N, C-alpha and C. Protein backbone atom coordinates (compact mmCIF):
# COMPACT_ATOMS: atom_id res chain seq x y z
N MET A 1 5.44 31.93 23.87
CA MET A 1 5.59 30.81 22.95
C MET A 1 7.07 30.57 22.72
N ASN A 2 7.47 29.33 22.78
CA ASN A 2 8.86 28.95 22.56
C ASN A 2 8.93 28.11 21.29
N PRO A 3 9.27 28.73 20.16
CA PRO A 3 9.27 27.97 18.90
C PRO A 3 10.41 26.96 18.85
N ASP A 4 10.16 25.88 18.17
CA ASP A 4 11.21 24.87 17.98
C ASP A 4 12.24 25.34 16.96
N LEU A 5 11.79 26.17 16.05
CA LEU A 5 12.66 26.63 14.98
C LEU A 5 12.31 28.07 14.64
N GLU A 6 13.32 28.91 14.61
CA GLU A 6 13.10 30.30 14.24
C GLU A 6 13.99 30.62 13.04
N VAL A 7 13.39 31.18 12.01
CA VAL A 7 14.10 31.47 10.77
C VAL A 7 13.97 32.95 10.45
N ASP A 8 15.09 33.59 10.21
CA ASP A 8 15.11 35.00 9.81
C ASP A 8 15.08 35.02 8.28
N THR A 9 13.89 35.12 7.71
CA THR A 9 13.76 35.04 6.25
C THR A 9 14.42 36.21 5.54
N GLU A 10 14.41 37.37 6.17
CA GLU A 10 15.08 38.52 5.53
C GLU A 10 16.58 38.29 5.45
N GLU A 11 17.15 37.70 6.50
CA GLU A 11 18.58 37.38 6.46
C GLU A 11 18.87 36.31 5.41
N LEU A 12 17.98 35.34 5.29
CA LEU A 12 18.14 34.34 4.23
C LEU A 12 18.13 34.99 2.86
N ARG A 13 17.22 35.93 2.67
CA ARG A 13 17.14 36.61 1.36
C ARG A 13 18.39 37.46 1.10
N ARG A 14 18.90 38.13 2.13
CA ARG A 14 20.14 38.90 1.97
C ARG A 14 21.31 37.98 1.62
N THR A 15 21.36 36.84 2.30
CA THR A 15 22.42 35.88 2.03
C THR A 15 22.32 35.34 0.60
N ALA A 16 21.11 35.04 0.18
CA ALA A 16 20.90 34.55 -1.20
C ALA A 16 21.33 35.61 -2.21
N SER A 17 21.02 36.86 -1.92
CA SER A 17 21.41 37.93 -2.83
C SER A 17 22.94 38.05 -2.91
N ALA A 18 23.60 37.97 -1.77
CA ALA A 18 25.06 38.03 -1.76
C ALA A 18 25.66 36.84 -2.51
N LEU A 19 25.08 35.67 -2.33
CA LEU A 19 25.55 34.49 -3.06
C LEU A 19 25.34 34.63 -4.56
N ALA A 20 24.21 35.20 -4.95
CA ALA A 20 23.94 35.41 -6.38
C ALA A 20 24.98 36.37 -6.97
N THR A 21 25.34 37.39 -6.21
CA THR A 21 26.37 38.33 -6.67
C THR A 21 27.71 37.61 -6.82
N THR A 22 28.05 36.80 -5.83
CA THR A 22 29.30 36.03 -5.90
C THR A 22 29.28 35.09 -7.10
N ALA A 23 28.16 34.44 -7.34
CA ALA A 23 28.04 33.53 -8.48
C ALA A 23 28.28 34.27 -9.79
N ALA A 24 27.70 35.46 -9.90
CA ALA A 24 27.89 36.25 -11.12
C ALA A 24 29.35 36.66 -11.29
N GLU A 25 30.01 37.00 -10.20
CA GLU A 25 31.42 37.40 -10.26
C GLU A 25 32.30 36.21 -10.66
N VAL A 26 32.02 35.05 -10.09
CA VAL A 26 32.80 33.85 -10.43
C VAL A 26 32.60 33.49 -11.89
N THR A 27 31.36 33.53 -12.35
CA THR A 27 31.07 33.21 -13.74
C THR A 27 31.72 34.22 -14.68
N ALA A 28 31.70 35.49 -14.31
CA ALA A 28 32.33 36.52 -15.13
C ALA A 28 33.84 36.32 -15.21
N THR A 29 34.43 35.84 -14.13
CA THR A 29 35.86 35.57 -14.13
C THR A 29 36.19 34.49 -15.16
N ALA A 30 35.33 33.50 -15.27
CA ALA A 30 35.56 32.44 -16.25
C ALA A 30 35.49 32.96 -17.67
N ALA A 31 34.71 34.01 -17.88
CA ALA A 31 34.54 34.55 -19.22
C ALA A 31 35.69 35.46 -19.63
N ALA A 32 36.51 35.87 -18.68
CA ALA A 32 37.59 36.82 -18.99
C ALA A 32 38.93 36.29 -18.49
N PRO A 33 39.49 35.28 -19.16
CA PRO A 33 40.78 34.74 -18.71
C PRO A 33 41.91 35.73 -19.01
N PRO A 34 43.00 35.61 -18.30
CA PRO A 34 44.14 36.49 -18.60
C PRO A 34 44.66 36.21 -20.01
N SER A 35 45.16 37.24 -20.63
CA SER A 35 45.67 37.05 -21.99
C SER A 35 46.96 36.24 -21.93
N ALA A 36 47.14 35.38 -22.92
CA ALA A 36 48.33 34.53 -22.98
C ALA A 36 49.37 35.20 -23.87
N GLU A 37 50.59 35.08 -23.47
CA GLU A 37 51.70 35.57 -24.29
C GLU A 37 51.86 34.64 -25.48
N ARG A 38 51.93 35.19 -26.66
CA ARG A 38 52.06 34.38 -27.87
C ARG A 38 53.51 34.27 -28.35
N THR A 39 54.34 35.20 -27.94
CA THR A 39 55.74 35.16 -28.37
C THR A 39 56.63 35.35 -27.16
N PRO A 40 57.71 34.72 -26.99
CA PRO A 40 58.09 33.58 -27.83
C PRO A 40 57.19 32.39 -27.54
N ARG A 41 57.14 31.48 -28.45
CA ARG A 41 56.31 30.27 -28.32
C ARG A 41 57.01 29.31 -27.36
N TRP A 42 56.49 29.22 -26.15
CA TRP A 42 57.08 28.34 -25.15
C TRP A 42 56.54 26.93 -25.30
N ARG A 43 57.31 25.97 -24.85
CA ARG A 43 56.88 24.57 -24.90
C ARG A 43 55.63 24.34 -24.06
N ALA A 44 55.49 25.08 -23.01
CA ALA A 44 54.36 24.88 -22.09
C ALA A 44 53.10 25.63 -22.52
N ALA A 45 53.12 26.30 -23.67
CA ALA A 45 51.97 27.10 -24.10
C ALA A 45 50.71 26.27 -24.25
N ASP A 46 50.82 25.10 -24.86
CA ASP A 46 49.64 24.25 -25.04
C ASP A 46 49.11 23.76 -23.69
N ALA A 47 50.02 23.38 -22.82
CA ALA A 47 49.60 22.93 -21.48
C ALA A 47 48.95 24.08 -20.72
N ALA A 48 49.48 25.26 -20.86
CA ALA A 48 48.90 26.43 -20.19
C ALA A 48 47.51 26.72 -20.73
N ALA A 49 47.33 26.59 -22.04
CA ALA A 49 46.01 26.81 -22.64
C ALA A 49 45.00 25.80 -22.12
N LEU A 50 45.42 24.55 -22.00
CA LEU A 50 44.54 23.52 -21.45
C LEU A 50 44.20 23.81 -19.99
N ALA A 51 45.16 24.30 -19.23
CA ALA A 51 44.92 24.65 -17.83
C ALA A 51 43.92 25.80 -17.73
N VAL A 52 44.03 26.76 -18.62
CA VAL A 52 43.07 27.87 -18.64
C VAL A 52 41.67 27.36 -18.95
N GLU A 53 41.55 26.49 -19.94
CA GLU A 53 40.24 25.93 -20.29
C GLU A 53 39.65 25.15 -19.12
N ALA A 54 40.47 24.36 -18.45
CA ALA A 54 39.98 23.58 -17.30
C ALA A 54 39.55 24.50 -16.16
N THR A 55 40.32 25.53 -15.95
CA THR A 55 39.98 26.50 -14.89
C THR A 55 38.68 27.22 -15.22
N GLN A 56 38.53 27.62 -16.47
CA GLN A 56 37.29 28.28 -16.88
C GLN A 56 36.09 27.35 -16.67
N GLN A 57 36.24 26.09 -17.03
CA GLN A 57 35.16 25.13 -16.86
C GLN A 57 34.81 24.98 -15.38
N GLN A 58 35.81 24.89 -14.53
CA GLN A 58 35.56 24.76 -13.10
C GLN A 58 34.90 26.02 -12.54
N LEU A 59 35.32 27.19 -13.00
CA LEU A 59 34.71 28.44 -12.53
C LEU A 59 33.26 28.54 -12.97
N ARG A 60 32.97 28.12 -14.20
CA ARG A 60 31.58 28.11 -14.66
C ARG A 60 30.74 27.16 -13.82
N TRP A 61 31.29 25.97 -13.53
CA TRP A 61 30.60 24.99 -12.70
C TRP A 61 30.37 25.54 -11.30
N LEU A 62 31.40 26.15 -10.73
CA LEU A 62 31.28 26.73 -9.39
C LEU A 62 30.28 27.88 -9.37
N GLY A 63 30.32 28.73 -10.38
CA GLY A 63 29.36 29.84 -10.47
C GLY A 63 27.94 29.33 -10.59
N ALA A 64 27.73 28.32 -11.42
CA ALA A 64 26.38 27.75 -11.58
C ALA A 64 25.90 27.11 -10.29
N GLY A 65 26.78 26.40 -9.62
CA GLY A 65 26.41 25.77 -8.35
C GLY A 65 26.08 26.80 -7.28
N THR A 66 26.84 27.86 -7.24
CA THR A 66 26.59 28.93 -6.26
C THR A 66 25.28 29.63 -6.58
N ALA A 67 25.01 29.87 -7.85
CA ALA A 67 23.74 30.49 -8.25
C ALA A 67 22.56 29.59 -7.87
N GLU A 68 22.71 28.29 -8.06
CA GLU A 68 21.65 27.35 -7.71
C GLU A 68 21.43 27.35 -6.19
N THR A 69 22.49 27.43 -5.43
CA THR A 69 22.36 27.50 -3.97
C THR A 69 21.61 28.76 -3.56
N ALA A 70 21.94 29.88 -4.19
CA ALA A 70 21.23 31.13 -3.90
C ALA A 70 19.75 31.00 -4.22
N ARG A 71 19.44 30.36 -5.35
CA ARG A 71 18.04 30.16 -5.73
C ARG A 71 17.31 29.30 -4.71
N LEU A 72 17.95 28.24 -4.26
CA LEU A 72 17.33 27.35 -3.28
C LEU A 72 17.13 28.03 -1.92
N ILE A 73 18.07 28.88 -1.54
CA ILE A 73 17.92 29.63 -0.28
C ILE A 73 16.73 30.58 -0.39
N THR A 74 16.59 31.23 -1.54
CA THR A 74 15.45 32.12 -1.75
C THR A 74 14.13 31.35 -1.68
N LEU A 75 14.09 30.18 -2.31
CA LEU A 75 12.89 29.34 -2.23
C LEU A 75 12.60 28.92 -0.80
N ALA A 76 13.63 28.56 -0.05
CA ALA A 76 13.44 28.15 1.34
C ALA A 76 12.90 29.30 2.18
N ALA A 77 13.43 30.51 1.95
CA ALA A 77 12.94 31.68 2.69
C ALA A 77 11.46 31.90 2.40
N GLY A 78 11.08 31.77 1.15
CA GLY A 78 9.68 31.91 0.78
C GLY A 78 8.81 30.84 1.42
N ALA A 79 9.30 29.62 1.44
CA ALA A 79 8.54 28.52 2.05
C ALA A 79 8.37 28.74 3.55
N TYR A 80 9.42 29.21 4.22
CA TYR A 80 9.30 29.50 5.65
C TYR A 80 8.29 30.62 5.89
N ALA A 81 8.34 31.65 5.06
CA ALA A 81 7.40 32.78 5.22
C ALA A 81 5.96 32.30 5.00
N GLU A 82 5.75 31.45 3.99
CA GLU A 82 4.40 30.91 3.73
C GLU A 82 3.93 30.05 4.90
N ALA A 83 4.83 29.25 5.45
CA ALA A 83 4.46 28.40 6.60
C ALA A 83 4.09 29.27 7.79
N ASP A 84 4.82 30.34 8.02
CA ASP A 84 4.49 31.26 9.11
C ASP A 84 3.13 31.91 8.89
N ALA A 85 2.86 32.30 7.66
CA ALA A 85 1.57 32.93 7.35
C ALA A 85 0.42 31.95 7.58
N ARG A 86 0.61 30.70 7.16
CA ARG A 86 -0.43 29.69 7.39
C ARG A 86 -0.64 29.44 8.87
N ALA A 87 0.44 29.38 9.64
CA ALA A 87 0.31 29.16 11.08
C ALA A 87 -0.39 30.34 11.74
N ALA A 88 -0.05 31.56 11.32
CA ALA A 88 -0.70 32.74 11.88
C ALA A 88 -2.19 32.74 11.57
N ALA A 89 -2.54 32.33 10.34
CA ALA A 89 -3.95 32.27 9.96
C ALA A 89 -4.69 31.24 10.80
N ARG A 90 -4.08 30.09 11.03
CA ARG A 90 -4.71 29.07 11.88
C ARG A 90 -4.90 29.58 13.30
N LEU A 91 -3.92 30.29 13.82
CA LEU A 91 -4.03 30.83 15.18
C LEU A 91 -5.15 31.85 15.27
N ARG A 92 -5.28 32.69 14.23
CA ARG A 92 -6.36 33.69 14.22
C ARG A 92 -7.73 33.01 14.20
N LEU A 93 -7.84 31.94 13.43
CA LEU A 93 -9.11 31.21 13.35
C LEU A 93 -9.43 30.50 14.66
N ALA A 94 -8.42 30.10 15.40
CA ALA A 94 -8.64 29.37 16.64
C ALA A 94 -9.11 30.27 17.77
N ARG A 95 -8.96 31.56 17.63
CA ARG A 95 -9.33 32.49 18.71
C ARG A 95 -10.76 32.80 18.69
């Protein structure tokens, strides 16, 4: 049999797990910004604080997007496995 499409669902699940780990690390980075120097009070302190906030927001967005991608890969792996099981059942019935 020469399948049109072959999917390694275990590899998809491993990839999803690695992505979920990366998402958690990125999100954790957003939660722990570097400490800001308070003295002396530099003119750029307010701008730096805004840059930190923007970076944190982007890291949270990136972490959430990566986590969602991991979730979707896991769902796709499950769907492929279910489709394979249904096809195998049909083949068994046809014999």
